[in-house]
Amino acid sequence: MSYFTQRICLSLTVGALGFLSVAMPSQAANVPFNFSGSVAEVHGGVFTAGGSGVNGFGSALPVSGSFTFNSATTDVLPGDPMWGLYANPIQNMTVKVGNYTATFSPGSSVMQVINNPGLGDTFKVTLNGFTSSPATVNGLTPTTFEMELVNPNGSVFSNDHLPTTPPSLSSFASNQWRLVFSGVGNRVQGALTSLVPLPAAVWLFGAGLIALVGLGSRGLASRKES
């Protein structure tokens, strides 16, 4: 690599890091959660025996996905300390069931955090408005996704604020996700096995940028010594 090429690469990398450092504060309220689980039940017209997803859903298919929400979204019920109700906080969402993928286009969404000590805690996410690839499953289109975690003891949350880190699944007595399709009674659902924060791949991306800066710096140093 020539001296000038090294300088250009180094400048671009440092510029990108500078951009990230400036941009991140404005994005600090956006929190990404990632989840995985499996299919337990399939109802109605989206069922296909042995289906892999795009041709209908069979049982025991894997599910995975992610969503990003604005943790600074205002509580619709500020006067109720036990029920946090947040309108349209979801920025994006992708759900993959088997080899079928549905993507949420920002629209109608609700997140609820119920903190009722001694009586029950609930974390619930509801989204309406999806695009998908392919567009339908057995001629039916995805309409709604729901995720609900319930603890009847009310010992999970200390307030009704949106969590900035995923609540531990082991703290809940039950959890369920479901993807609902057009018509009546058409849905695929199951339980979650993980709910985690920002994936390691993002941190690796940042580390890669830093490593690139280091390589560029060593290259410049060797050039000067020669």
C-alpha atoms as a PDB file:
ATOM      1  CA  MET A   1       0.000   0.000   0.000  1.00  0.00           C
ATOM      2  CA  SER A   2       1.426   3.384  -0.979  1.00  0.00           C
ATOM      3  CA  TYR A   3       2.092   6.144   1.516  1.00  0.00           C
ATOM      4  CA  PHE A   4      -0.736   8.298   0.148  1.00  0.00           C
ATOM      5  CA  THR A   5      -3.188   5.373   0.140  1.00  0.00           C
ATOM      6  CA  GLN A   6      -2.319   4.708   3.774  1.00  0.00           C
ATOM      7  CA  ARG A   7      -2.930   8.346   4.619  1.00  0.00           C
ATOM      8  CA  ILE A   8      -6.334   8.290   2.907  1.00  0.00           C
ATOM      9  CA  CYS A   9      -7.382   5.062   4.681  1.00  0.00           C
ATOM     10  CA  LEU A  10      -6.237   6.428   8.018  1.00  0.00           C
ATOM     11  CA  SER A  11      -8.084   9.705   7.491  1.00  0.00           C
ATOM     12  CA  LEU A  12     -11.291   7.935   6.500  1.00  0.00           C
ATOM     13  CA  THR A  13     -11.104   5.623   9.519  1.00  0.00           C
ATOM     14  CA  VAL A  14     -10.419   8.412  11.993  1.00  0.00           C
ATOM     15  CA  GLY A  15     -13.205  10.419  10.384  1.00  0.00           C
ATOM     16  CA  ALA A  16     -15.608   7.513  10.794  1.00  0.00           C
ATOM     17  CA  LEU A  17     -14.671   7.140  14.446  1.00  0.00           C
ATOM     18  CA  GLY A  18     -15.145  10.843  14.957  1.00  0.00           C
ATOM     19  CA  PHE A  19     -18.543  10.667  13.301  1.00  0.00           C
ATOM     20  CA  LEU A  20     -19.554   7.799  15.561  1.00  0.00           C
ATOM     21  CA  SER A  21     -18.455   9.652  18.669  1.00  0.00           C
ATOM     22  CA  VAL A  22     -20.522  12.660  17.631  1.00  0.00           C
ATOM     23  CA  ALA A  23     -23.549  10.669  16.472  1.00  0.00           C
ATOM     24  CA  MET A  24     -23.794   8.273  19.404  1.00  0.00           C
ATOM     25  CA  PRO A  25     -25.081  10.768  22.015  1.00  0.00           C
ATOM     26  CA  SER A  26     -28.097  11.607  19.858  1.00  0.00           C
ATOM     27  CA  GLN A  27     -28.802   7.871  19.471  1.00  0.00           C
ATOM     28  CA  ALA A  28     -28.230   7.052  23.133  1.00  0.00           C
ATOM     29  CA  ALA A  29     -31.959   6.601  23.748  1.00  0.00           C
ATOM     30  CA  ASN A  30     -32.248   3.846  21.113  1.00  0.00           C
ATOM     31  CA  VAL A  31     -31.928   0.454  22.798  1.00  0.00           C
ATOM     32  CA  PRO A  32     -31.597  -2.803  20.808  1.00  0.00           C
ATOM     33  CA  PHE A  33     -32.838  -6.136  22.162  1.00  0.00           C
ATOM     34  CA  ASN A  34     -32.265  -9.480  20.460  1.00  0.00           C
ATOM     35  CA  PHE A  35     -34.263 -12.625  21.112  1.00  0.00           C
ATOM     36  CA  SER A  36     -34.487 -16.281  20.188  1.00  0.00           C
ATOM     37  CA  GLY A  37     -36.807 -19.172  20.915  1.00  0.00           C
ATOM     38  CA  SER A  38     -38.839 -21.832  19.190  1.00  0.00           C
ATOM     39  CA  VAL A  39     -42.279 -22.605  17.812  1.00  0.00           C
ATOM     40  CA  ALA A  40     -44.601 -24.498  20.134  1.00  0.00           C
ATOM     41  CA  GLU A  41     -47.989 -24.069  18.435  1.00  0.00           C
ATOM     42  CA  VAL A  42     -49.303 -23.255  14.957  1.00  0.00           C
ATOM     43  CA  HIS A  43     -52.954 -22.372  14.411  1.00  0.00           C
ATOM     44  CA  GLY A  44     -55.176 -21.915  11.396  1.00  0.00           C
ATOM     45  CA  GLY A  45     -54.123 -21.503   7.810  1.00  0.00           C
ATOM     46  CA  VAL A  46     -50.417 -20.898   8.423  1.00  0.00           C
ATOM     47  CA  PHE A  47     -49.928 -24.515   9.522  1.00  0.00           C
ATOM     48  CA  THR A  48     -48.195 -26.911   7.154  1.00  0.00           C
ATOM     49  CA  ALA A  49     -47.047 -30.317   8.352  1.00  0.00           C
ATOM     50  CA  GLY A  50     -43.265 -30.288   8.153  1.00  0.00           C
ATOM     51  CA  GLY A  51     -43.333 -26.675   6.955  1.00  0.00           C
ATOM     52  CA  SER A  52     -40.087 -24.709   7.060  1.00  0.00           C
ATOM     53  CA  GLY A  53     -41.598 -21.219   7.219  1.00  0.00           C
ATOM     54  CA  VAL A  54     -42.090 -19.824   3.734  1.00  0.00           C
ATOM     55  CA  ASN A  55     -44.339 -22.782   2.867  1.00  0.00           C
ATOM     56  CA  GLY A  56     -46.159 -22.766   6.201  1.00  0.00           C
ATOM     57  CA  PHE A  57     -45.051 -23.452   9.746  1.00  0.00           C
ATOM     58  CA  GLY A  58     -44.414 -26.789  11.330  1.00  0.00           C
ATOM     59  CA  SER A  59     -43.761 -27.265  15.032  1.00  0.00           C
ATOM     60  CA  ALA A  60     -40.338 -26.895  16.670  1.00  0.00           C
ATOM     61  CA  LEU A  61     -39.015 -24.357  14.152  1.00  0.00           C
ATOM     62  CA  PRO A  62     -36.443 -21.892  15.533  1.00  0.00           C
ATOM     63  CA  VAL A  63     -37.368 -18.247  15.951  1.00  0.00           C
ATOM     64  CA  SER A  64     -35.020 -15.272  16.246  1.00  0.00           C
ATOM     65  CA  GLY A  65     -35.227 -11.544  15.878  1.00  0.00           C
ATOM     66  CA  SER A  66     -34.343  -8.108  17.127  1.00  0.00           C
ATOM     67  CA  PHE A  67     -35.994  -4.792  17.799  1.00  0.00           C
ATOM     68  CA  THR A  68     -34.832  -1.298  18.654  1.00  0.00           C
ATOM     69  CA  PHE A  69     -36.889   1.064  20.787  1.00  0.00           C
ATOM     70  CA  ASN A  70     -36.568   4.613  22.035  1.00  0.00           C
ATOM     71  CA  SER A  71     -36.152   4.357  25.803  1.00  0.00           C
ATOM     72  CA  ALA A  72     -36.900   8.091  26.123  1.00  0.00           C
ATOM     73  CA  THR A  73     -40.484   7.593  24.913  1.00  0.00           C
ATOM     74  CA  THR A  74     -42.926   9.380  27.225  1.00  0.00           C
ATOM     75  CA  ASP A  75     -45.172   7.331  29.506  1.00  0.00           C
ATOM     76  CA  VAL A  76     -48.810   7.787  28.488  1.00  0.00           C
ATOM     77  CA  LEU A  77     -49.803   7.197  32.136  1.00  0.00           C
ATOM     78  CA  PRO A  78     -47.369   9.376  34.117  1.00  0.00           C
ATOM     79  CA  GLY A  79     -49.682   9.480  37.115  1.00  0.00           C
ATOM     80  CA  ASP A  80     -49.707   5.697  37.533  1.00  0.00           C
ATOM     81  CA  PRO A  81     -46.463   4.509  39.184  1.00  0.00           C
ATOM     82  CA  MET A  82     -47.232   0.842  38.530  1.00  0.00           C
ATOM     83  CA  TRP A  83     -48.192   0.861  34.849  1.00  0.00           C
ATOM     84  CA  GLY A  84     -45.875   2.251  32.206  1.00  0.00           C
ATOM     85  CA  LEU A  85     -47.626   2.556  28.842  1.00  0.00           C
ATOM     86  CA  TYR A  86     -45.485   3.716  25.920  1.00  0.00           C
ATOM     87  CA  ALA A  87     -46.936   4.501  22.487  1.00  0.00           C
ATOM     88  CA  ASN A  88     -44.917   3.907  19.300  1.00  0.00           C
ATOM     89  CA  PRO A  89     -41.470   3.404  20.868  1.00  0.00           C
ATOM     90  CA  ILE A  90     -40.351   0.707  18.394  1.00  0.00           C
ATOM     91  CA  GLN A  91     -37.983   1.980  15.700  1.00  0.00           C
ATOM     92  CA  ASN A  92     -37.532  -1.295  13.819  1.00  0.00           C
ATOM     93  CA  MET A  93     -38.031  -5.013  14.214  1.00  0.00           C
ATOM     94  CA  THR A  94     -37.231  -8.221  12.355  1.00  0.00           C
ATOM     95  CA  VAL A  95     -38.664 -11.649  13.170  1.00  0.00           C
ATOM     96  CA  LYS A  96     -37.445 -14.850  11.567  1.00  0.00           C
ATOM     97  CA  VAL A  97     -39.399 -18.104  11.975  1.00  0.00           C
ATOM     98  CA  GLY A  98     -37.668 -20.979  10.240  1.00  0.00           C
ATOM     99  CA  ASN A  99     -36.735 -19.576   6.829  1.00  0.00           C
ATOM    100  CA  TYR A 100     -39.510 -16.970   6.866  1.00  0.00           C
ATOM    101  CA  THR A 101     -38.732 -13.333   7.718  1.00  0.00           C
ATOM    102  CA  ALA A 102     -41.124 -10.530   8.654  1.00  0.00           C
ATOM    103  CA  THR A 103     -39.940  -6.922   9.061  1.00  0.00           C
ATOM    104  CA  PHE A 104     -41.708  -4.184  10.985  1.00  0.00           C
ATOM    105  CA  SER A 105     -42.042  -0.813   9.283  1.00  0.00           C
ATOM    106  CA  PRO A 106     -42.258   1.897  11.981  1.00  0.00           C
ATOM    107  CA  GLY A 107     -45.906   2.394  12.728  1.00  0.00           C
ATOM    108  CA  SER A 108     -48.213   1.332  15.530  1.00  0.00           C
ATOM    109  CA  SER A 109     -46.425  -0.180  18.514  1.00  0.00           C
ATOM    110  CA  VAL A 110     -46.904  -0.343  22.267  1.00  0.00           C
ATOM    111  CA  MET A 111     -44.593  -1.332  25.109  1.00  0.00           C
ATOM    112  CA  GLN A 112     -45.921  -1.944  28.614  1.00  0.00           C
ATOM    113  CA  VAL A 113     -44.060  -2.293  31.897  1.00  0.00           C
ATOM    114  CA  ILE A 114     -46.294  -3.281  34.814  1.00  0.00           C
ATOM    115  CA  ASN A 115     -44.645  -3.068  38.222  1.00  0.00           C
ATOM    116  CA  ASN A 116     -47.115  -4.308  40.812  1.00  0.00           C
ATOM    117  CA  PRO A 117     -45.139  -5.515  43.867  1.00  0.00           C
ATOM    118  CA  GLY A 118     -46.585  -8.663  45.352  1.00  0.00           C
ATOM    119  CA  LEU A 119     -49.247  -8.975  42.660  1.00  0.00           C
ATOM    120  CA  GLY A 120     -47.475  -9.255  39.329  1.00  0.00           C
ATOM    121  CA  ASP A 121     -44.953  -7.822  36.874  1.00  0.00           C
ATOM    122  CA  THR A 122     -45.412  -7.812  33.109  1.00  0.00           C
ATOM    123  CA  PHE A 123     -43.220  -6.777  30.180  1.00  0.00           C
ATOM    124  CA  LYS A 124     -45.176  -6.683  26.922  1.00  0.00           C
ATOM    125  CA  VAL A 125     -44.347  -5.595  23.383  1.00  0.00           C
ATOM    126  CA  THR A 126     -47.003  -5.282  20.656  1.00  0.00           C
ATOM    127  CA  LEU A 127     -46.431  -4.218  17.031  1.00  0.00           C
ATOM    128  CA  ASN A 128     -48.813  -3.802  14.125  1.00  0.00           C
ATOM    129  CA  GLY A 129     -47.725  -3.333  10.519  1.00  0.00           C
ATOM    130  CA  PHE A 130     -45.302  -5.735   8.854  1.00  0.00           C
ATOM    131  CA  THR A 131     -43.741  -6.387   5.498  1.00  0.00           C
ATOM    132  CA  SER A 132     -42.397  -9.842   4.794  1.00  0.00           C
ATOM    133  CA  SER A 133     -40.386 -11.944   2.395  1.00  0.00           C
ATOM    134  CA  PRO A 134     -42.194 -13.646   0.767  1.00  0.00           C
ATOM    135  CA  ALA A 135     -45.258 -11.454   1.237  1.00  0.00           C
ATOM    136  CA  THR A 136     -47.542 -14.228   2.476  1.00  0.00           C
ATOM    137  CA  VAL A 137     -47.616 -17.634   4.132  1.00  0.00           C
ATOM    138  CA  ASN A 138     -50.253 -19.843   2.548  1.00  0.00           C
ATOM    139  CA  GLY A 139     -51.861 -16.663   1.217  1.00  0.00           C
ATOM    140  CA  LEU A 140     -51.976 -14.953   4.640  1.00  0.00           C
ATOM    141  CA  THR A 141     -50.093 -11.758   5.548  1.00  0.00           C
ATOM    142  CA  PRO A 142     -48.447 -10.985   8.915  1.00  0.00           C
ATOM    143  CA  THR A 143     -50.245  -8.301  10.915  1.00  0.00           C
ATOM    144  CA  THR A 144     -49.156  -8.346  14.563  1.00  0.00           C
ATOM    145  CA  PHE A 145     -46.266  -9.490  16.740  1.00  0.00           C
ATOM    146  CA  GLU A 146     -46.526  -9.825  20.502  1.00  0.00           C
ATOM    147  CA  MET A 147     -44.035 -10.688  23.226  1.00  0.00           C
ATOM    148  CA  GLU A 148     -45.163 -11.016  26.841  1.00  0.00           C
ATOM    149  CA  LEU A 149     -43.214 -11.896  29.991  1.00  0.00           C
ATOM    150  CA  VAL A 150     -45.190 -12.431  33.220  1.00  0.00           C
ATOM    151  CA  ASN A 151     -44.133 -12.810  36.854  1.00  0.00           C
ATOM    152  CA  PRO A 152     -47.106 -13.226  39.236  1.00  0.00           C
ATOM    153  CA  ASN A 153     -44.977 -12.356  42.281  1.00  0.00           C
ATOM    154  CA  GLY A 154     -44.272  -8.778  41.212  1.00  0.00           C
ATOM    155  CA  SER A 155     -40.576  -8.938  42.088  1.00  0.00           C
ATOM    156  CA  VAL A 156     -38.872  -8.175  38.752  1.00  0.00           C
ATOM    157  CA  PHE A 157     -39.133  -4.414  38.291  1.00  0.00           C
ATOM    158  CA  SER A 158     -38.458  -1.571  40.715  1.00  0.00           C
ATOM    159  CA  ASN A 159     -40.437   0.949  38.625  1.00  0.00           C
ATOM    160  CA  ASP A 160     -42.544   1.145  35.460  1.00  0.00           C
ATOM    161  CA  HIS A 161     -39.834   2.699  33.258  1.00  0.00           C
ATOM    162  CA  LEU A 162     -38.727   1.200  29.961  1.00  0.00           C
ATOM    163  CA  PRO A 163     -35.730  -1.049  30.699  1.00  0.00           C
ATOM    164  CA  THR A 164     -32.420  -0.170  29.059  1.00  0.00           C
ATOM    165  CA  THR A 165     -31.164  -3.724  29.569  1.00  0.00           C
ATOM    166  CA  PRO A 166     -33.254  -6.816  28.810  1.00  0.00           C
ATOM    167  CA  PRO A 167     -35.083  -8.270  31.814  1.00  0.00           C
ATOM    168  CA  SER A 168     -33.866 -11.754  32.656  1.00  0.00           C
ATOM    169  CA  LEU A 169     -36.141 -14.483  31.310  1.00  0.00           C
ATOM    170  CA  SER A 170     -35.392 -16.585  34.393  1.00  0.00           C
ATOM    171  CA  SER A 171     -37.134 -13.924  36.510  1.00  0.00           C
ATOM    172  CA  PHE A 172     -40.469 -14.617  34.843  1.00  0.00           C
ATOM    173  CA  ALA A 173     -42.790 -17.535  35.449  1.00  0.00           C
ATOM    174  CA  SER A 174     -43.891 -17.529  31.818  1.00  0.00           C
ATOM    175  CA  ASN A 175     -43.026 -15.926  28.516  1.00  0.00           C
ATOM    176  CA  GLN A 176     -44.608 -16.103  25.097  1.00  0.00           C
ATOM    177  CA  TRP A 177     -44.214 -14.653  21.630  1.00  0.00           C
ATOM    178  CA  ARG A 178     -46.662 -14.881  18.761  1.00  0.00           C
ATOM    179  CA  LEU A 179     -46.850 -13.748  15.147  1.00  0.00           C
ATOM    180  CA  VAL A 180     -50.433 -13.205  13.998  1.00  0.00           C
ATOM    181  CA  PHE A 181     -51.593 -13.343  10.379  1.00  0.00           C
ATOM    182  CA  SER A 182     -54.602 -11.928   8.548  1.00  0.00           C
ATOM    183  CA  GLY A 183     -57.973 -13.578   9.011  1.00  0.00           C
ATOM    184  CA  VAL A 184     -59.178 -15.238  12.182  1.00  0.00           C
ATOM    185  CA  GLY A 185     -57.154 -17.629  14.318  1.00  0.00           C
ATOM    186  CA  ASN A 186     -54.060 -17.702  12.089  1.00  0.00           C
ATOM    187  CA  ARG A 187     -50.909 -17.506  14.162  1.00  0.00           C
ATOM    188  CA  VAL A 188     -47.623 -19.129  15.105  1.00  0.00           C
ATOM    189  CA  GLN A 189     -46.390 -18.903  18.685  1.00  0.00           C
ATOM    190  CA  GLY A 190     -43.972 -20.262  21.228  1.00  0.00           C
ATOM    191  CA  ALA A 191     -41.595 -19.399  24.051  1.00  0.00           C
ATOM    192  CA  LEU A 192     -38.365 -17.425  24.218  1.00  0.00           C
ATOM    193  CA  THR A 193     -35.067 -18.954  25.252  1.00  0.00           C
ATOM    194  CA  SER A 194     -33.023 -15.734  25.221  1.00  0.00           C
ATOM    195  CA  LEU A 195     -33.492 -11.980  25.407  1.00  0.00           C
ATOM    196  CA  VAL A 196     -30.170 -10.152  25.196  1.00  0.00           C
ATOM    197  CA  PRO A 197     -28.743  -6.682  24.498  1.00  0.00           C
ATOM    198  CA  LEU A 198     -26.562  -5.380  21.665  1.00  0.00           C
ATOM    199  CA  PRO A 199     -24.855  -8.326  19.913  1.00  0.00           C
ATOM    200  CA  ALA A 200     -21.131  -8.861  20.112  1.00  0.00           C
ATOM    201  CA  ALA A 201     -20.845  -8.294  16.350  1.00  0.00           C
ATOM    202  CA  VAL A 202     -21.362  -4.569  16.854  1.00  0.00           C
ATOM    203  CA  TRP A 203     -18.540  -4.424  19.365  1.00  0.00           C
ATOM    204  CA  LEU A 204     -16.351  -6.379  16.954  1.00  0.00           C
ATOM    205  CA  PHE A 205     -17.115  -3.801  14.273  1.00  0.00           C
ATOM    206  CA  GLY A 206     -15.895  -1.030  16.554  1.00  0.00           C
ATOM    207  CA  ALA A 207     -12.817  -3.046  17.475  1.00  0.00           C
ATOM    208  CA  GLY A 208     -12.116  -3.576  13.775  1.00  0.00           C
ATOM    209  CA  LEU A 209     -12.128   0.167  13.168  1.00  0.00           C
ATOM    210  CA  ILE A 210      -9.689   0.696  16.010  1.00  0.00           C
ATOM    211  CA  ALA A 211      -7.448  -2.065  14.660  1.00  0.00           C
ATOM    212  CA  LEU A 212      -7.504  -0.424  11.234  1.00  0.00           C
ATOM    213  CA  VAL A 213      -6.302   2.821  12.790  1.00  0.00           C
ATOM    214  CA  GLY A 214      -3.486   0.908  14.451  1.00  0.00           C
ATOM    215  CA  LEU A 215      -2.431  -0.756  11.206  1.00  0.00           C
ATOM    216  CA  GLY A 216      -2.442   2.572   9.431  1.00  0.00           C
ATOM    217  CA  SER A 217      -0.325   4.151  12.142  1.00  0.00           C
ATOM    218  CA  ARG A 218       2.270   1.358  11.989  1.00  0.00           C
ATOM    219  CA  GLY A 219       2.365   1.662   8.237  1.00  0.00           C
ATOM    220  CA  LEU A 220       3.071   5.371   8.439  1.00  0.00           C
ATOM    221  CA  ALA A 221       5.763   4.794  11.052  1.00  0.00           C
ATOM    222  CA  SER A 222       7.541   2.183   8.912  1.00  0.00           C
ATOM    223  CA  ARG A 223       7.338   4.512   5.930  1.00  0.00           C
ATOM    224  CA  LYS A 224       9.059   7.289   7.870  1.00  0.00           C
ATOM    225  CA  GLU A 225      11.792   4.950   9.125  1.00  0.00           C
ATOM    226  CA  SER A 226      12.577   3.803   5.588  1.00  0.00           C
END
